[in-house]
N, C-alpha and C. Protein backbone atom coordinates (compact mmCIF):
# COMPACT_ATOMS: atom_id res chain seq x y z
N MET A 1 5.33 -9.17 -16.00
CA MET A 1 4.18 -10.03 -15.97
C MET A 1 2.89 -9.20 -15.89
N PHE A 2 2.86 -8.21 -15.00
CA PHE A 2 1.65 -7.40 -14.87
C PHE A 2 1.40 -6.55 -16.12
N ILE A 3 2.46 -6.09 -16.73
CA ILE A 3 2.31 -5.32 -17.98
C ILE A 3 1.76 -6.22 -19.08
N ASP A 4 2.23 -7.48 -19.11
CA ASP A 4 1.70 -8.45 -20.09
C ASP A 4 0.23 -8.75 -19.85
N TRP A 5 -0.22 -8.68 -18.60
CA TRP A 5 -1.62 -8.93 -18.28
C TRP A 5 -2.52 -7.75 -18.62
N GLY A 6 -1.94 -6.62 -19.01
CA GLY A 6 -2.75 -5.49 -19.40
C GLY A 6 -2.66 -4.29 -18.48
N PHE A 7 -1.88 -4.38 -17.41
CA PHE A 7 -1.69 -3.25 -16.51
C PHE A 7 -0.50 -2.44 -17.01
N GLU A 8 -0.76 -1.53 -17.93
CA GLU A 8 0.30 -0.79 -18.63
C GLU A 8 1.09 0.13 -17.70
N ASN A 9 0.44 0.72 -16.70
CA ASN A 9 1.09 1.69 -15.82
C ASN A 9 1.61 1.08 -14.53
N PHE A 10 1.69 -0.25 -14.45
CA PHE A 10 2.12 -0.89 -13.21
C PHE A 10 3.62 -0.72 -13.00
N THR A 11 3.98 -0.29 -11.80
CA THR A 11 5.38 -0.22 -11.39
C THR A 11 5.50 -0.90 -10.04
N PHE A 12 6.56 -1.63 -9.86
CA PHE A 12 6.78 -2.33 -8.60
C PHE A 12 7.72 -1.48 -7.74
N ASP A 13 7.17 -0.39 -7.21
CA ASP A 13 7.96 0.53 -6.39
C ASP A 13 7.36 0.67 -5.00
N TRP A 14 6.81 -0.39 -4.48
CA TRP A 14 6.11 -0.31 -3.21
C TRP A 14 7.03 0.09 -2.06
N LEU A 15 8.27 -0.35 -2.08
CA LEU A 15 9.17 -0.05 -0.98
C LEU A 15 9.80 1.34 -1.08
N VAL A 16 9.79 1.94 -2.24
CA VAL A 16 10.40 3.26 -2.38
C VAL A 16 9.35 4.36 -2.51
N ASN A 17 8.09 4.01 -2.59
CA ASN A 17 7.01 4.97 -2.66
C ASN A 17 6.56 5.31 -1.24
N ARG A 18 6.57 6.58 -0.87
CA ARG A 18 6.20 6.99 0.49
C ARG A 18 4.81 6.52 0.90
N GLU A 19 3.86 6.59 -0.01
CA GLU A 19 2.48 6.23 0.32
C GLU A 19 2.30 4.72 0.44
N MET A 20 3.09 3.93 -0.26
CA MET A 20 2.90 2.48 -0.29
C MET A 20 3.83 1.72 0.66
N ALA A 21 4.89 2.34 1.15
CA ALA A 21 5.90 1.62 1.93
C ALA A 21 5.32 1.03 3.20
N ILE A 22 4.49 1.77 3.92
CA ILE A 22 3.93 1.25 5.17
C ILE A 22 2.99 0.08 4.90
N TYR A 23 2.26 0.13 3.79
CA TYR A 23 1.37 -0.99 3.45
C TYR A 23 2.17 -2.23 3.09
N THR A 24 3.32 -2.04 2.48
CA THR A 24 4.19 -3.17 2.19
C THR A 24 4.70 -3.80 3.47
N ILE A 25 5.05 -2.98 4.44
CA ILE A 25 5.49 -3.49 5.74
C ILE A 25 4.35 -4.27 6.41
N VAL A 26 3.14 -3.74 6.35
CA VAL A 26 1.99 -4.41 6.95
C VAL A 26 1.73 -5.76 6.28
N ILE A 27 1.79 -5.80 4.96
CA ILE A 27 1.57 -7.06 4.24
C ILE A 27 2.63 -8.08 4.64
N ALA A 28 3.89 -7.66 4.72
CA ALA A 28 4.95 -8.58 5.12
C ALA A 28 4.78 -9.04 6.56
N GLY A 29 4.35 -8.14 7.45
CA GLY A 29 4.13 -8.51 8.84
C GLY A 29 2.98 -9.49 9.01
N VAL A 30 1.92 -9.28 8.25
CA VAL A 30 0.78 -10.21 8.31
C VAL A 30 1.22 -11.58 7.80
N TRP A 31 1.97 -11.60 6.72
CA TRP A 31 2.46 -12.86 6.18
C TRP A 31 3.38 -13.56 7.19
N GLN A 32 4.20 -12.79 7.87
CA GLN A 32 5.16 -13.35 8.81
C GLN A 32 4.47 -13.97 10.03
N SER A 33 3.40 -13.37 10.51
CA SER A 33 2.78 -13.85 11.75
C SER A 33 1.50 -14.65 11.52
N ALA A 34 1.06 -14.82 10.30
CA ALA A 34 -0.19 -15.54 10.04
C ALA A 34 -0.12 -16.99 10.48
N GLY A 35 0.98 -17.64 10.25
CA GLY A 35 1.11 -19.05 10.63
C GLY A 35 1.02 -19.25 12.13
N PHE A 36 1.63 -18.36 12.90
CA PHE A 36 1.58 -18.47 14.35
C PHE A 36 0.16 -18.29 14.87
N VAL A 37 -0.54 -17.32 14.32
CA VAL A 37 -1.92 -17.08 14.75
C VAL A 37 -2.81 -18.26 14.36
N MET A 38 -2.59 -18.83 13.18
CA MET A 38 -3.35 -20.01 12.78
C MET A 38 -3.11 -21.18 13.73
N ALA A 39 -1.86 -21.35 14.16
CA ALA A 39 -1.55 -22.42 15.11
C ALA A 39 -2.25 -22.17 16.45
N LEU A 40 -2.31 -20.91 16.90
CA LEU A 40 -3.02 -20.60 18.13
C LEU A 40 -4.51 -20.94 18.02
N PHE A 41 -5.12 -20.56 16.90
CA PHE A 41 -6.54 -20.84 16.73
C PHE A 41 -6.81 -22.33 16.57
N LEU A 42 -5.91 -23.05 15.92
CA LEU A 42 -6.08 -24.49 15.81
C LEU A 42 -6.01 -25.15 17.18
N ALA A 43 -5.08 -24.70 18.01
CA ALA A 43 -4.99 -25.24 19.37
C ALA A 43 -6.24 -24.90 20.17
N GLY A 44 -6.77 -23.67 19.98
CA GLY A 44 -7.99 -23.29 20.68
C GLY A 44 -9.19 -24.11 20.22
N LEU A 45 -9.29 -24.35 18.93
CA LEU A 45 -10.41 -25.17 18.42
C LEU A 45 -10.30 -26.61 18.88
N ARG A 46 -9.09 -27.11 18.98
CA ARG A 46 -8.91 -28.48 19.45
C ARG A 46 -9.24 -28.63 20.93
N SER A 47 -9.18 -27.52 21.66
CA SER A 47 -9.48 -27.59 23.09
C SER A 47 -10.98 -27.65 23.37
N VAL A 48 -11.81 -27.33 22.37
CA VAL A 48 -13.26 -27.39 22.54
C VAL A 48 -13.69 -28.86 22.44
N GLU A 49 -14.43 -29.30 23.41
CA GLU A 49 -14.86 -30.70 23.43
C GLU A 49 -15.89 -30.98 22.34
N ASP A 50 -15.74 -32.11 21.67
CA ASP A 50 -16.68 -32.49 20.62
C ASP A 50 -18.08 -32.73 21.16
N GLU A 51 -18.16 -33.16 22.42
CA GLU A 51 -19.46 -33.46 23.01
C GLU A 51 -20.34 -32.21 23.11
N ILE A 52 -19.71 -31.07 23.35
CA ILE A 52 -20.48 -29.82 23.46
C ILE A 52 -21.12 -29.48 22.12
N VAL A 53 -20.35 -29.61 21.05
CA VAL A 53 -20.87 -29.31 19.72
C VAL A 53 -21.94 -30.32 19.33
N LYS A 54 -21.71 -31.59 19.63
CA LYS A 54 -22.70 -32.63 19.32
C LYS A 54 -23.98 -32.40 20.10
N ALA A 55 -23.88 -32.02 21.36
CA ALA A 55 -25.08 -31.76 22.17
C ALA A 55 -25.86 -30.57 21.62
N ALA A 56 -25.16 -29.56 21.16
CA ALA A 56 -25.85 -28.40 20.58
C ALA A 56 -26.57 -28.79 19.30
N LYS A 57 -25.97 -29.63 18.48
CA LYS A 57 -26.61 -30.07 17.24
C LYS A 57 -27.82 -30.95 17.54
N ILE A 58 -27.70 -31.77 18.57
CA ILE A 58 -28.85 -32.61 18.97
C ILE A 58 -30.00 -31.74 19.46
N ASP A 59 -29.66 -30.65 20.15
CA ASP A 59 -30.69 -29.73 20.64
C ASP A 59 -31.30 -28.89 19.53
N GLY A 60 -30.79 -29.01 18.30
CA GLY A 60 -31.39 -28.31 17.17
C GLY A 60 -30.67 -27.06 16.73
N ALA A 61 -29.46 -26.82 17.23
CA ALA A 61 -28.72 -25.63 16.83
C ALA A 61 -28.13 -25.82 15.44
N ASN A 62 -28.27 -24.81 14.60
CA ASN A 62 -27.63 -24.89 13.29
C ASN A 62 -26.15 -24.52 13.41
N LEU A 63 -25.42 -24.61 12.30
CA LEU A 63 -23.98 -24.39 12.33
C LEU A 63 -23.63 -22.96 12.76
N PHE A 64 -24.39 -21.97 12.27
CA PHE A 64 -24.14 -20.58 12.66
C PHE A 64 -24.32 -20.40 14.16
N THR A 65 -25.35 -20.97 14.73
CA THR A 65 -25.60 -20.85 16.17
C THR A 65 -24.51 -21.54 16.98
N VAL A 66 -24.03 -22.68 16.50
CA VAL A 66 -22.96 -23.38 17.21
C VAL A 66 -21.71 -22.50 17.25
N TYR A 67 -21.39 -21.88 16.13
CA TYR A 67 -20.22 -21.01 16.12
C TYR A 67 -20.44 -19.75 16.95
N TRP A 68 -21.59 -19.12 16.79
CA TRP A 68 -21.86 -17.83 17.44
C TRP A 68 -22.04 -17.96 18.95
N LYS A 69 -22.72 -19.00 19.39
CA LYS A 69 -23.07 -19.13 20.81
C LYS A 69 -22.13 -20.03 21.60
N ILE A 70 -21.40 -20.92 20.92
CA ILE A 70 -20.57 -21.88 21.65
C ILE A 70 -19.09 -21.69 21.35
N LEU A 71 -18.72 -21.79 20.07
CA LEU A 71 -17.30 -21.78 19.75
C LEU A 71 -16.65 -20.41 19.95
N LEU A 72 -17.28 -19.34 19.49
CA LEU A 72 -16.67 -18.01 19.65
C LEU A 72 -16.50 -17.62 21.12
N PRO A 73 -17.50 -17.82 21.98
CA PRO A 73 -17.26 -17.49 23.40
C PRO A 73 -16.16 -18.35 24.04
N MET A 74 -16.06 -19.61 23.62
CA MET A 74 -15.01 -20.46 24.18
C MET A 74 -13.63 -20.10 23.63
N MET A 75 -13.61 -19.43 22.49
CA MET A 75 -12.34 -19.05 21.87
C MET A 75 -11.91 -17.64 22.26
N ARG A 76 -12.64 -16.98 23.12
CA ARG A 76 -12.32 -15.61 23.51
C ARG A 76 -10.90 -15.45 24.04
N PRO A 77 -10.40 -16.34 24.89
CA PRO A 77 -8.99 -16.18 25.32
C PRO A 77 -8.00 -16.29 24.16
N VAL A 78 -8.31 -17.12 23.17
CA VAL A 78 -7.41 -17.25 22.02
C VAL A 78 -7.42 -15.97 21.20
N PHE A 79 -8.61 -15.39 21.01
CA PHE A 79 -8.69 -14.11 20.30
C PHE A 79 -7.86 -13.05 21.00
N PHE A 80 -8.01 -12.95 22.31
CA PHE A 80 -7.29 -11.92 23.02
C PHE A 80 -5.79 -12.18 23.03
N THR A 81 -5.40 -13.45 23.21
CA THR A 81 -3.98 -13.78 23.18
C THR A 81 -3.37 -13.42 21.84
N SER A 82 -4.06 -13.75 20.78
CA SER A 82 -3.58 -13.40 19.44
C SER A 82 -3.47 -11.89 19.28
N PHE A 83 -4.47 -11.17 19.76
CA PHE A 83 -4.46 -9.71 19.66
C PHE A 83 -3.27 -9.12 20.41
N VAL A 84 -3.04 -9.57 21.63
CA VAL A 84 -1.95 -9.02 22.44
C VAL A 84 -0.60 -9.34 21.80
N ILE A 85 -0.44 -10.56 21.32
CA ILE A 85 0.83 -10.93 20.70
C ILE A 85 1.07 -10.12 19.43
N LEU A 86 0.02 -9.94 18.63
CA LEU A 86 0.19 -9.18 17.39
C LEU A 86 0.44 -7.70 17.66
N VAL A 87 -0.19 -7.14 18.69
CA VAL A 87 0.10 -5.74 19.05
C VAL A 87 1.55 -5.62 19.51
N HIS A 88 1.98 -6.57 20.31
CA HIS A 88 3.35 -6.55 20.80
C HIS A 88 4.34 -6.68 19.64
N ILE A 89 4.07 -7.57 18.71
CA ILE A 89 4.96 -7.74 17.55
C ILE A 89 4.96 -6.48 16.69
N SER A 90 3.79 -5.88 16.51
CA SER A 90 3.75 -4.69 15.66
C SER A 90 4.46 -3.50 16.30
N ILE A 91 4.43 -3.41 17.62
CA ILE A 91 5.13 -2.30 18.28
C ILE A 91 6.64 -2.48 18.20
N LYS A 92 7.09 -3.69 18.29
CA LYS A 92 8.54 -3.92 18.27
C LYS A 92 9.01 -4.52 16.94
N SER A 93 8.42 -4.12 15.87
CA SER A 93 8.73 -4.69 14.55
C SER A 93 10.01 -4.10 13.98
N TYR A 94 11.08 -4.25 14.68
CA TYR A 94 12.36 -3.68 14.27
C TYR A 94 12.97 -4.44 13.10
N ASP A 95 13.02 -5.76 13.20
CA ASP A 95 13.73 -6.56 12.20
C ASP A 95 13.11 -6.46 10.82
N LEU A 96 11.80 -6.47 10.75
CA LEU A 96 11.11 -6.40 9.46
C LEU A 96 11.36 -5.06 8.77
N ILE A 97 11.31 -3.99 9.53
CA ILE A 97 11.51 -2.66 8.95
C ILE A 97 12.95 -2.45 8.53
N VAL A 98 13.89 -2.91 9.34
CA VAL A 98 15.30 -2.77 8.97
C VAL A 98 15.61 -3.60 7.73
N ALA A 99 15.05 -4.77 7.64
CA ALA A 99 15.32 -5.62 6.48
C ALA A 99 14.71 -5.06 5.19
N LEU A 100 13.55 -4.42 5.30
CA LEU A 100 12.87 -3.97 4.08
C LEU A 100 13.19 -2.53 3.70
N THR A 101 13.13 -1.59 4.64
CA THR A 101 13.21 -0.18 4.25
C THR A 101 14.20 0.67 5.05
N GLN A 102 14.74 0.19 6.14
CA GLN A 102 15.61 0.99 7.02
C GLN A 102 14.89 2.23 7.54
N GLY A 103 13.57 2.20 7.61
CA GLY A 103 12.80 3.33 8.10
C GLY A 103 12.40 4.32 7.03
N GLY A 104 12.80 4.11 5.82
CA GLY A 104 12.52 5.07 4.75
C GLY A 104 11.40 4.61 3.87
N PRO A 105 11.13 5.26 2.80
CA PRO A 105 11.74 6.49 2.33
C PRO A 105 11.39 7.67 3.23
N GLY A 106 12.38 8.46 3.50
CA GLY A 106 12.20 9.53 4.49
C GLY A 106 12.03 8.90 5.87
N ILE A 107 10.93 9.22 6.52
CA ILE A 107 10.62 8.60 7.81
C ILE A 107 9.28 7.89 7.74
N SER A 108 8.87 7.49 6.54
CA SER A 108 7.52 6.96 6.37
C SER A 108 7.31 5.61 7.04
N THR A 109 8.36 4.83 7.30
CA THR A 109 8.17 3.55 7.99
C THR A 109 8.96 3.48 9.30
N THR A 110 9.30 4.62 9.86
CA THR A 110 9.97 4.62 11.16
C THR A 110 8.97 4.30 12.25
N MET A 111 9.23 3.24 12.99
CA MET A 111 8.37 2.78 14.08
C MET A 111 9.09 3.00 15.41
N PRO A 112 8.38 2.84 16.52
CA PRO A 112 9.01 3.12 17.82
C PRO A 112 10.27 2.31 18.09
N ALA A 113 10.30 1.04 17.72
CA ALA A 113 11.49 0.23 17.99
C ALA A 113 12.69 0.71 17.17
N LEU A 114 12.45 1.07 15.94
CA LEU A 114 13.53 1.59 15.10
C LEU A 114 14.01 2.94 15.62
N TYR A 115 13.07 3.79 16.03
CA TYR A 115 13.43 5.08 16.60
C TYR A 115 14.26 4.90 17.86
N MET A 116 13.87 3.93 18.70
CA MET A 116 14.57 3.68 19.95
C MET A 116 16.01 3.25 19.69
N THR A 117 16.22 2.32 18.77
CA THR A 117 17.59 1.87 18.51
C THR A 117 18.42 2.94 17.81
N GLN A 118 17.80 3.73 16.95
CA GLN A 118 18.55 4.80 16.29
C GLN A 118 19.00 5.86 17.29
N THR A 119 18.11 6.23 18.21
CA THR A 119 18.50 7.25 19.19
C THR A 119 19.52 6.70 20.19
N ALA A 120 19.45 5.42 20.52
CA ALA A 120 20.39 4.87 21.48
C ALA A 120 21.77 4.62 20.88
N PHE A 121 21.83 4.03 19.70
CA PHE A 121 23.11 3.56 19.18
C PHE A 121 23.72 4.47 18.11
N HIS A 122 22.90 5.21 17.38
CA HIS A 122 23.44 6.07 16.34
C HIS A 122 23.59 7.51 16.80
N LYS A 123 22.69 7.97 17.64
CA LYS A 123 22.73 9.36 18.10
C LYS A 123 23.24 9.49 19.53
N SER A 124 23.44 8.37 20.22
CA SER A 124 23.92 8.33 21.61
C SER A 124 23.05 9.13 22.57
N GLN A 125 21.74 9.10 22.36
CA GLN A 125 20.79 9.75 23.26
C GLN A 125 20.05 8.66 24.04
N VAL A 126 20.74 8.16 25.07
CA VAL A 126 20.23 7.02 25.81
C VAL A 126 18.96 7.37 26.58
N GLY A 127 18.86 8.57 27.11
CA GLY A 127 17.67 8.98 27.85
C GLY A 127 16.43 9.00 26.97
N LEU A 128 16.57 9.55 25.78
CA LEU A 128 15.45 9.59 24.84
C LEU A 128 15.07 8.18 24.38
N SER A 129 16.07 7.34 24.22
CA SER A 129 15.81 5.96 23.85
C SER A 129 15.08 5.22 24.97
N ALA A 130 15.47 5.44 26.20
CA ALA A 130 14.79 4.81 27.33
C ALA A 130 13.35 5.29 27.45
N ALA A 131 13.13 6.58 27.18
CA ALA A 131 11.76 7.10 27.20
C ALA A 131 10.93 6.47 26.10
N SER A 132 11.52 6.25 24.95
CA SER A 132 10.81 5.57 23.85
C SER A 132 10.47 4.14 24.23
N ALA A 133 11.39 3.45 24.88
CA ALA A 133 11.12 2.08 25.32
C ALA A 133 10.00 2.05 26.36
N MET A 134 9.97 3.02 27.24
CA MET A 134 8.89 3.08 28.23
C MET A 134 7.54 3.35 27.56
N MET A 135 7.52 4.16 26.53
CA MET A 135 6.27 4.41 25.81
C MET A 135 5.78 3.15 25.11
N MET A 136 6.70 2.35 24.56
CA MET A 136 6.30 1.08 23.96
C MET A 136 5.74 0.15 25.03
N PHE A 137 6.39 0.12 26.19
CA PHE A 137 5.90 -0.70 27.30
C PHE A 137 4.52 -0.25 27.75
N MET A 138 4.30 1.05 27.84
CA MET A 138 2.99 1.58 28.25
C MET A 138 1.90 1.23 27.24
N ALA A 139 2.25 1.25 25.96
CA ALA A 139 1.26 0.90 24.93
C ALA A 139 0.81 -0.55 25.07
N VAL A 140 1.75 -1.45 25.33
CA VAL A 140 1.38 -2.85 25.53
C VAL A 140 0.63 -3.01 26.85
N ALA A 141 1.07 -2.34 27.89
CA ALA A 141 0.42 -2.43 29.20
C ALA A 141 -1.00 -1.87 29.16
N ALA A 142 -1.24 -0.87 28.32
CA ALA A 142 -2.58 -0.28 28.21
C ALA A 142 -3.58 -1.29 27.66
N VAL A 143 -3.11 -2.27 26.94
CA VAL A 143 -3.98 -3.31 26.42
C VAL A 143 -4.11 -4.46 27.41
N ILE A 144 -3.01 -4.85 28.02
CA ILE A 144 -2.99 -6.05 28.85
C ILE A 144 -3.63 -5.82 30.21
N ILE A 145 -3.37 -4.71 30.86
CA ILE A 145 -3.85 -4.49 32.23
C ILE A 145 -5.37 -4.48 32.33
N PRO A 146 -6.11 -3.78 31.46
CA PRO A 146 -7.57 -3.85 31.57
C PRO A 146 -8.11 -5.26 31.35
N TYR A 147 -7.50 -6.01 30.45
CA TYR A 147 -7.95 -7.38 30.23
C TYR A 147 -7.71 -8.24 31.47
N LEU A 148 -6.53 -8.15 32.04
CA LEU A 148 -6.25 -8.93 33.25
C LEU A 148 -7.17 -8.54 34.39
N TYR A 149 -7.46 -7.26 34.52
CA TYR A 149 -8.38 -6.80 35.55
C TYR A 149 -9.77 -7.40 35.36
N SER A 150 -10.26 -7.38 34.13
CA SER A 150 -11.60 -7.92 33.88
C SER A 150 -11.64 -9.43 34.06
N GLU A 151 -10.59 -10.12 33.66
CA GLU A 151 -10.56 -11.57 33.83
C GLU A 151 -10.47 -11.97 35.30
N LEU A 152 -9.66 -11.28 36.07
CA LEU A 152 -9.54 -11.59 37.49
C LEU A 152 -10.82 -11.25 38.22
N ARG A 153 -11.47 -10.17 37.84
CA ARG A 153 -12.74 -9.80 38.46
C ARG A 153 -13.82 -10.84 38.12
N ARG A 154 -13.85 -11.31 36.89
CA ARG A 154 -14.80 -12.33 36.49
C ARG A 154 -14.54 -13.65 37.21
N GLU A 155 -13.24 -13.99 37.40
CA GLU A 155 -12.90 -15.24 38.07
C GLU A 155 -13.28 -15.17 39.55
N ASN A 156 -13.12 -14.02 40.18
CA ASN A 156 -13.49 -13.87 41.59
C ASN A 156 -14.99 -13.87 41.79
N ALA A 157 -15.74 -13.49 40.75
CA ALA A 157 -17.21 -13.48 40.86
C ALA A 157 -17.80 -14.88 40.80
N ARG A 158 -17.04 -15.83 40.28
CA ARG A 158 -17.54 -17.21 40.17
C ARG A 158 -17.55 -17.90 41.45
């Protein structure tokens, strides 16, 4: 089809090309989790009261100001929740990588979760696998702990 459209040098080798394989994984991961993130944002938008938006419009706020000053600050927890969930999914993206590339070509799509299972079950290096799992846990904790600290500090200041 692409050759018929005029792309004479087009080849569909994204999964076997070292430079393109990781981008293919990213595209598939975005496609896989886009619906969940959309549902989160829809729930967050539905939680905003219509009266607040109507009051802002009555006060003379244009649509950009309503979004910038009212909706985005009220949606901050949804943004962060989506970010944390997507970081967590990307760190432990074992199933997607195994289904598409098995970590190859070479080691171009080997991620921490795949490395952890390979060292634990194929190489029988349980200690190294446990260390890899702890590093994945620390990566997620490095994002979550500062956020929880700032939120709890802000809540106590009220």
